[in-house]
């Protein structure tokens, strides 16, 4: 390990390769909730996160695994399920009066038409305004699963209608917490307190 009077030990999550704090700071300076998208081999996770001095607060969430409970019979780690998870998370965010957000993909490399941007497309279709490049979004046929099978495409449309329903119980389920009950919200792991100067106040 480097030594010397000017050497500063990096934050643990930076040392572990989990958080880019410079990029995170830029996102926080937007003063908008972060639409956090994380993917695993078999799942896609959507979280709408607000900064708080004591730690980030998750005010709504959705995941690909939840789709199984709604009748989705296919993989929860493909492009159609990523879109549906984004749509579900976006609808819950709208119910929580979130109208704008900024996309947070962490350390994932942006790739045109990837599952991350399929989730983004879902959140946008749910009514959330998120700055983006339209060229990065996957095509409609790929989002619907037309490239996989006609059965999946049909199931996709049914799931989308169920989530988009005006009085959908699914959308009213707020996942990890709602704005009106912040004491029940969950602290996100990327805690990094900002000074007043850093927040641009």
C-alpha atoms as a PDB file:
ATOM      1  CA  UNK A   1       0.000   0.000   0.000  1.00  0.00           C
ATOM      2  CA  UNK A   2       1.215   3.502  -0.822  1.00  0.00           C
ATOM      3  CA  UNK A   3       2.424   5.581   2.066  1.00  0.00           C
ATOM      4  CA  UNK A   4       3.279   9.194   2.763  1.00  0.00           C
ATOM      5  CA  UNK A   5       1.826  12.330   4.337  1.00  0.00           C
ATOM      6  CA  UNK A   6      -0.344  13.089   1.261  1.00  0.00           C
ATOM      7  CA  UNK A   7      -1.689   9.617   0.693  1.00  0.00           C
ATOM      8  CA  UNK A   8      -5.419   9.193   1.313  1.00  0.00           C
ATOM      9  CA  UNK A   9      -6.995   5.787   1.738  1.00  0.00           C
ATOM     10  CA  UNK A  10      -9.856   5.386  -0.736  1.00  0.00           C
ATOM     11  CA  UNK A  11     -13.369   4.558   0.446  1.00  0.00           C
ATOM     12  CA  UNK A  12     -13.891   0.832   0.940  1.00  0.00           C
ATOM     13  CA  UNK A  13     -16.536   0.526  -1.801  1.00  0.00           C
ATOM     14  CA  UNK A  14     -14.151   2.254  -4.188  1.00  0.00           C
ATOM     15  CA  UNK A  15     -11.357  -0.144  -3.241  1.00  0.00           C
ATOM     16  CA  UNK A  16     -13.733  -3.058  -3.793  1.00  0.00           C
ATOM     17  CA  UNK A  17     -14.705  -1.727  -7.227  1.00  0.00           C
ATOM     18  CA  UNK A  18     -18.364  -1.260  -6.242  1.00  0.00           C
ATOM     19  CA  UNK A  19     -18.846   2.522  -6.346  1.00  0.00           C
ATOM     20  CA  UNK A  20     -17.455   5.312  -8.495  1.00  0.00           C
ATOM     21  CA  UNK A  21     -17.867   8.205  -6.068  1.00  0.00           C
ATOM     22  CA  UNK A  22     -17.004  10.900  -8.603  1.00  0.00           C
ATOM     23  CA  UNK A  23     -19.805   9.729 -10.870  1.00  0.00           C
ATOM     24  CA  UNK A  24     -22.129   9.329  -7.886  1.00  0.00           C
ATOM     25  CA  UNK A  25     -21.430  12.915  -6.845  1.00  0.00           C
ATOM     26  CA  UNK A  26     -22.433  14.160 -10.299  1.00  0.00           C
ATOM     27  CA  UNK A  27     -25.712  12.258 -10.045  1.00  0.00           C
ATOM     28  CA  UNK A  28     -26.463  13.632  -6.586  1.00  0.00           C
ATOM     29  CA  UNK A  29     -25.830  17.197  -7.721  1.00  0.00           C
ATOM     30  CA  UNK A  30     -28.809  16.859 -10.064  1.00  0.00           C
ATOM     31  CA  UNK A  31     -31.010  16.974  -6.934  1.00  0.00           C
ATOM     32  CA  UNK A  32     -33.235  14.348  -8.542  1.00  0.00           C
ATOM     33  CA  UNK A  33     -34.100  10.839  -7.351  1.00  0.00           C
ATOM     34  CA  UNK A  34     -31.838   8.205  -8.887  1.00  0.00           C
ATOM     35  CA  UNK A  35     -33.399   5.455 -10.994  1.00  0.00           C
ATOM     36  CA  UNK A  36     -30.963   2.711 -10.036  1.00  0.00           C
ATOM     37  CA  UNK A  37     -30.739  -0.292 -12.353  1.00  0.00           C
ATOM     38  CA  UNK A  38     -28.713  -3.355 -11.392  1.00  0.00           C
ATOM     39  CA  UNK A  39     -28.667  -6.691 -13.175  1.00  0.00           C
ATOM     40  CA  UNK A  40     -27.630 -10.192 -12.304  1.00  0.00           C
ATOM     41  CA  UNK A  41     -27.601 -13.319 -14.453  1.00  0.00           C
ATOM     42  CA  UNK A  42     -31.260 -14.112 -13.739  1.00  0.00           C
ATOM     43  CA  UNK A  43     -32.713 -10.882 -12.392  1.00  0.00           C
ATOM     44  CA  UNK A  44     -33.038  -7.153 -12.945  1.00  0.00           C
ATOM     45  CA  UNK A  45     -33.465  -4.819  -9.972  1.00  0.00           C
ATOM     46  CA  UNK A  46     -35.024  -1.345 -10.119  1.00  0.00           C
ATOM     47  CA  UNK A  47     -34.821   1.112  -7.207  1.00  0.00           C
ATOM     48  CA  UNK A  48     -35.829   4.747  -6.948  1.00  0.00           C
ATOM     49  CA  UNK A  49     -33.474   6.257  -4.424  1.00  0.00           C
ATOM     50  CA  UNK A  50     -33.405   9.642  -2.682  1.00  0.00           C
ATOM     51  CA  UNK A  51     -30.352  11.068  -0.983  1.00  0.00           C
ATOM     52  CA  UNK A  52     -30.540  11.609   2.780  1.00  0.00           C
ATOM     53  CA  UNK A  53     -27.796  12.736   5.155  1.00  0.00           C
ATOM     54  CA  UNK A  54     -28.082   9.577   7.240  1.00  0.00           C
ATOM     55  CA  UNK A  55     -28.015   7.332   4.161  1.00  0.00           C
ATOM     56  CA  UNK A  56     -29.789   6.842   0.849  1.00  0.00           C
ATOM     57  CA  UNK A  57     -33.491   5.980   1.096  1.00  0.00           C
ATOM     58  CA  UNK A  58     -35.218   3.606  -1.282  1.00  0.00           C
ATOM     59  CA  UNK A  59     -38.715   4.945  -1.855  1.00  0.00           C
ATOM     60  CA  UNK A  60     -39.884   2.350  -4.351  1.00  0.00           C
ATOM     61  CA  UNK A  61     -38.593  -0.746  -6.101  1.00  0.00           C
ATOM     62  CA  UNK A  62     -39.343  -3.615  -8.456  1.00  0.00           C
ATOM     63  CA  UNK A  63     -37.497  -6.677  -9.671  1.00  0.00           C
ATOM     64  CA  UNK A  64     -37.700  -9.308 -12.341  1.00  0.00           C
ATOM     65  CA  UNK A  65     -38.485 -11.966  -9.730  1.00  0.00           C
ATOM     66  CA  UNK A  66     -41.749 -10.154  -8.919  1.00  0.00           C
ATOM     67  CA  UNK A  67     -42.974 -10.841 -12.431  1.00  0.00           C
ATOM     68  CA  UNK A  68     -43.258 -14.529 -11.585  1.00  0.00           C
ATOM     69  CA  UNK A  69     -45.923 -13.693  -9.008  1.00  0.00           C
ATOM     70  CA  UNK A  70     -47.870 -11.837 -11.688  1.00  0.00           C
ATOM     71  CA  UNK A  71     -47.944 -14.796 -14.036  1.00  0.00           C
ATOM     72  CA  UNK A  72     -44.740 -14.328 -16.056  1.00  0.00           C
ATOM     73  CA  UNK A  73     -43.603 -17.810 -17.107  1.00  0.00           C
ATOM     74  CA  UNK A  74     -40.372 -16.913 -18.832  1.00  0.00           C
ATOM     75  CA  UNK A  75     -36.871 -15.898 -17.782  1.00  0.00           C
ATOM     76  CA  UNK A  76     -36.585 -12.978 -15.373  1.00  0.00           C
ATOM     77  CA  UNK A  77     -33.205 -12.023 -16.769  1.00  0.00           C
ATOM     78  CA  UNK A  78     -33.988 -11.295 -20.422  1.00  0.00           C
ATOM     79  CA  UNK A  79     -34.816  -8.066 -22.264  1.00  0.00           C
ATOM     80  CA  UNK A  80     -38.655  -8.304 -22.049  1.00  0.00           C
ATOM     81  CA  UNK A  81     -38.538  -8.928 -18.288  1.00  0.00           C
ATOM     82  CA  UNK A  82     -36.082  -6.033 -17.871  1.00  0.00           C
ATOM     83  CA  UNK A  83     -38.566  -3.734 -19.604  1.00  0.00           C
ATOM     84  CA  UNK A  84     -41.479  -5.016 -17.498  1.00  0.00           C
ATOM     85  CA  UNK A  85     -39.508  -4.579 -14.263  1.00  0.00           C
ATOM     86  CA  UNK A  86     -38.696  -1.014 -15.321  1.00  0.00           C
ATOM     87  CA  UNK A  87     -42.353  -0.409 -16.165  1.00  0.00           C
ATOM     88  CA  UNK A  88     -43.464  -1.772 -12.796  1.00  0.00           C
ATOM     89  CA  UNK A  89     -40.888   0.263 -10.892  1.00  0.00           C
ATOM     90  CA  UNK A  90     -41.812   3.347 -12.916  1.00  0.00           C
ATOM     91  CA  UNK A  91     -45.529   2.965 -12.183  1.00  0.00           C
ATOM     92  CA  UNK A  92     -44.788   2.692  -8.481  1.00  0.00           C
ATOM     93  CA  UNK A  93     -42.603   5.787  -8.685  1.00  0.00           C
ATOM     94  CA  UNK A  94     -45.420   7.702 -10.373  1.00  0.00           C
ATOM     95  CA  UNK A  95     -47.742   6.632  -7.539  1.00  0.00           C
ATOM     96  CA  UNK A  96     -45.171   8.165  -5.184  1.00  0.00           C
ATOM     97  CA  UNK A  97     -45.322  11.473  -7.061  1.00  0.00           C
ATOM     98  CA  UNK A  98     -41.947  10.996  -8.712  1.00  0.00           C
ATOM     99  CA  UNK A  99     -42.011  12.675 -12.112  1.00  0.00           C
ATOM    100  CA  UNK A 100     -38.316  13.089 -12.874  1.00  0.00           C
ATOM    101  CA  UNK A 101     -35.238  11.013 -12.156  1.00  0.00           C
ATOM    102  CA  UNK A 102     -31.689  10.446 -13.337  1.00  0.00           C
ATOM    103  CA  UNK A 103     -30.446   7.038 -14.474  1.00  0.00           C
ATOM    104  CA  UNK A 104     -27.839   5.304 -12.315  1.00  0.00           C
ATOM    105  CA  UNK A 105     -26.289   2.177 -13.850  1.00  0.00           C
ATOM    106  CA  UNK A 106     -23.374   2.012 -11.424  1.00  0.00           C
ATOM    107  CA  UNK A 107     -20.183   0.528 -12.846  1.00  0.00           C
ATOM    108  CA  UNK A 108     -21.952  -1.232 -15.714  1.00  0.00           C
ATOM    109  CA  UNK A 109     -20.740  -0.258 -19.146  1.00  0.00           C
ATOM    110  CA  UNK A 110     -23.483   1.325 -21.274  1.00  0.00           C
ATOM    111  CA  UNK A 111     -24.248  -0.881 -24.264  1.00  0.00           C
ATOM    112  CA  UNK A 112     -26.770   0.017 -26.956  1.00  0.00           C
ATOM    113  CA  UNK A 113     -29.992  -1.973 -26.651  1.00  0.00           C
ATOM    114  CA  UNK A 114     -28.911  -3.743 -23.453  1.00  0.00           C
ATOM    115  CA  UNK A 115     -31.181  -4.888 -20.626  1.00  0.00           C
ATOM    116  CA  UNK A 116     -30.273  -1.784 -18.624  1.00  0.00           C
ATOM    117  CA  UNK A 117     -31.748   0.422 -21.333  1.00  0.00           C
ATOM    118  CA  UNK A 118     -34.738  -1.889 -21.734  1.00  0.00           C
ATOM    119  CA  UNK A 119     -35.498  -1.102 -18.079  1.00  0.00           C
ATOM    120  CA  UNK A 120     -35.015   2.591 -18.809  1.00  0.00           C
ATOM    121  CA  UNK A 121     -37.520   2.349 -21.669  1.00  0.00           C
ATOM    122  CA  UNK A 122     -40.007   0.764 -19.268  1.00  0.00           C
ATOM    123  CA  UNK A 123     -39.593   3.553 -16.725  1.00  0.00           C
ATOM    124  CA  UNK A 124     -40.046   6.199 -19.420  1.00  0.00           C
ATOM    125  CA  UNK A 125     -43.203   4.495 -20.727  1.00  0.00           C
ATOM    126  CA  UNK A 126     -44.520   4.497 -17.158  1.00  0.00           C
ATOM    127  CA  UNK A 127     -44.369   8.302 -17.194  1.00  0.00           C
ATOM    128  CA  UNK A 128     -41.002   9.119 -15.606  1.00  0.00           C
ATOM    129  CA  UNK A 129     -38.917  11.806 -17.300  1.00  0.00           C
ATOM    130  CA  UNK A 130     -35.312  10.576 -17.440  1.00  0.00           C
ATOM    131  CA  UNK A 131     -32.610  12.187 -19.608  1.00  0.00           C
ATOM    132  CA  UNK A 132     -31.387   9.687 -22.196  1.00  0.00           C
ATOM    133  CA  UNK A 133     -30.165   9.079 -25.725  1.00  0.00           C
ATOM    134  CA  UNK A 134     -32.949   7.445 -27.756  1.00  0.00           C
ATOM    135  CA  UNK A 135     -30.373   5.590 -29.842  1.00  0.00           C
ATOM    136  CA  UNK A 136     -29.416   3.541 -26.763  1.00  0.00           C
ATOM    137  CA  UNK A 137     -32.922   2.093 -26.296  1.00  0.00           C
ATOM    138  CA  UNK A 138     -33.740  -1.377 -27.689  1.00  0.00           C
ATOM    139  CA  UNK A 139     -36.281  -1.734 -30.500  1.00  0.00           C
ATOM    140  CA  UNK A 140     -39.941  -2.504 -29.796  1.00  0.00           C
ATOM    141  CA  UNK A 141     -39.754  -6.020 -31.285  1.00  0.00           C
ATOM    142  CA  UNK A 142     -36.855  -6.940 -29.039  1.00  0.00           C
ATOM    143  CA  UNK A 143     -38.574  -5.460 -25.985  1.00  0.00           C
ATOM    144  CA  UNK A 144     -41.713  -7.500 -26.668  1.00  0.00           C
ATOM    145  CA  UNK A 145     -39.700 -10.688 -27.120  1.00  0.00           C
ATOM    146  CA  UNK A 146     -40.726 -11.129 -30.750  1.00  0.00           C
ATOM    147  CA  UNK A 147     -37.210 -12.382 -31.482  1.00  0.00           C
ATOM    148  CA  UNK A 148     -37.724 -15.230 -28.998  1.00  0.00           C
ATOM    149  CA  UNK A 149     -41.253 -16.528 -29.609  1.00  0.00           C
ATOM    150  CA  UNK A 150     -44.797 -15.455 -30.418  1.00  0.00           C
ATOM    151  CA  UNK A 151     -45.980 -16.946 -27.128  1.00  0.00           C
ATOM    152  CA  UNK A 152     -43.621 -14.703 -25.177  1.00  0.00           C
ATOM    153  CA  UNK A 153     -44.743 -11.684 -27.177  1.00  0.00           C
ATOM    154  CA  UNK A 154     -48.374 -12.436 -26.289  1.00  0.00           C
ATOM    155  CA  UNK A 155     -47.523 -12.965 -22.615  1.00  0.00           C
ATOM    156  CA  UNK A 156     -45.540  -9.718 -22.641  1.00  0.00           C
ATOM    157  CA  UNK A 157     -48.539  -7.713 -23.862  1.00  0.00           C
ATOM    158  CA  UNK A 158     -50.742  -9.273 -21.167  1.00  0.00           C
ATOM    159  CA  UNK A 159     -48.219  -8.434 -18.445  1.00  0.00           C
ATOM    160  CA  UNK A 160     -47.826  -4.891 -19.714  1.00  0.00           C
ATOM    161  CA  UNK A 161     -51.602  -4.347 -19.682  1.00  0.00           C
ATOM    162  CA  UNK A 162     -51.793  -5.734 -16.146  1.00  0.00           C
ATOM    163  CA  UNK A 163     -49.075  -3.361 -14.886  1.00  0.00           C
ATOM    164  CA  UNK A 164     -50.420  -0.332 -16.759  1.00  0.00           C
ATOM    165  CA  UNK A 165     -53.973  -0.829 -15.461  1.00  0.00           C
ATOM    166  CA  UNK A 166     -55.238   2.430 -13.969  1.00  0.00           C
ATOM    167  CA  UNK A 167     -56.308   0.748 -10.712  1.00  0.00           C
ATOM    168  CA  UNK A 168     -53.580  -1.874 -10.719  1.00  0.00           C
ATOM    169  CA  UNK A 169     -52.983  -3.377  -7.271  1.00  0.00           C
ATOM    170  CA  UNK A 170     -49.550  -4.313  -8.554  1.00  0.00           C
ATOM    171  CA  UNK A 171     -48.599  -0.673  -9.060  1.00  0.00           C
ATOM    172  CA  UNK A 172     -49.949   0.277  -5.640  1.00  0.00           C
ATOM    173  CA  UNK A 173     -47.588  -2.183  -3.965  1.00  0.00           C
ATOM    174  CA  UNK A 174     -44.718   0.181  -3.275  1.00  0.00           C
ATOM    175  CA  UNK A 175     -41.953  -2.365  -2.931  1.00  0.00           C
ATOM    176  CA  UNK A 176     -39.415  -1.261  -0.298  1.00  0.00           C
ATOM    177  CA  UNK A 177     -41.268   1.774   1.026  1.00  0.00           C
ATOM    178  CA  UNK A 178     -43.225   4.898   0.129  1.00  0.00           C
ATOM    179  CA  UNK A 179     -42.593   8.613   0.463  1.00  0.00           C
ATOM    180  CA  UNK A 180     -45.295   9.091   3.130  1.00  0.00           C
ATOM    181  CA  UNK A 181     -43.615   6.499   5.420  1.00  0.00           C
ATOM    182  CA  UNK A 182     -39.940   7.354   5.238  1.00  0.00           C
ATOM    183  CA  UNK A 183     -39.285   5.766   8.604  1.00  0.00           C
ATOM    184  CA  UNK A 184     -39.878   2.393   6.948  1.00  0.00           C
ATOM    185  CA  UNK A 185     -37.592   2.947   4.004  1.00  0.00           C
ATOM    186  CA  UNK A 186     -34.413   0.968   3.460  1.00  0.00           C
ATOM    187  CA  UNK A 187     -30.925   2.391   3.460  1.00  0.00           C
ATOM    188  CA  UNK A 188     -29.094   1.777   0.213  1.00  0.00           C
ATOM    189  CA  UNK A 189     -25.470   0.576   0.424  1.00  0.00           C
ATOM    190  CA  UNK A 190     -23.871   3.475  -1.505  1.00  0.00           C
ATOM    191  CA  UNK A 191     -23.881   5.818   1.484  1.00  0.00           C
ATOM    192  CA  UNK A 192     -21.704   8.850   0.919  1.00  0.00           C
ATOM    193  CA  UNK A 193     -22.555  12.011   2.892  1.00  0.00           C
ATOM    194  CA  UNK A 194     -22.238  15.282   0.998  1.00  0.00           C
ATOM    195  CA  UNK A 195     -21.169  18.591   2.420  1.00  0.00           C
ATOM    196  CA  UNK A 196     -23.226  21.702   1.715  1.00  0.00           C
ATOM    197  CA  UNK A 197     -20.488  22.905  -0.645  1.00  0.00           C
ATOM    198  CA  UNK A 198     -20.499  19.640  -2.593  1.00  0.00           C
ATOM    199  CA  UNK A 199     -24.280  19.748  -3.050  1.00  0.00           C
ATOM    200  CA  UNK A 200     -23.946  23.220  -4.552  1.00  0.00           C
ATOM    201  CA  UNK A 201     -26.255  24.766  -1.965  1.00  0.00           C
END
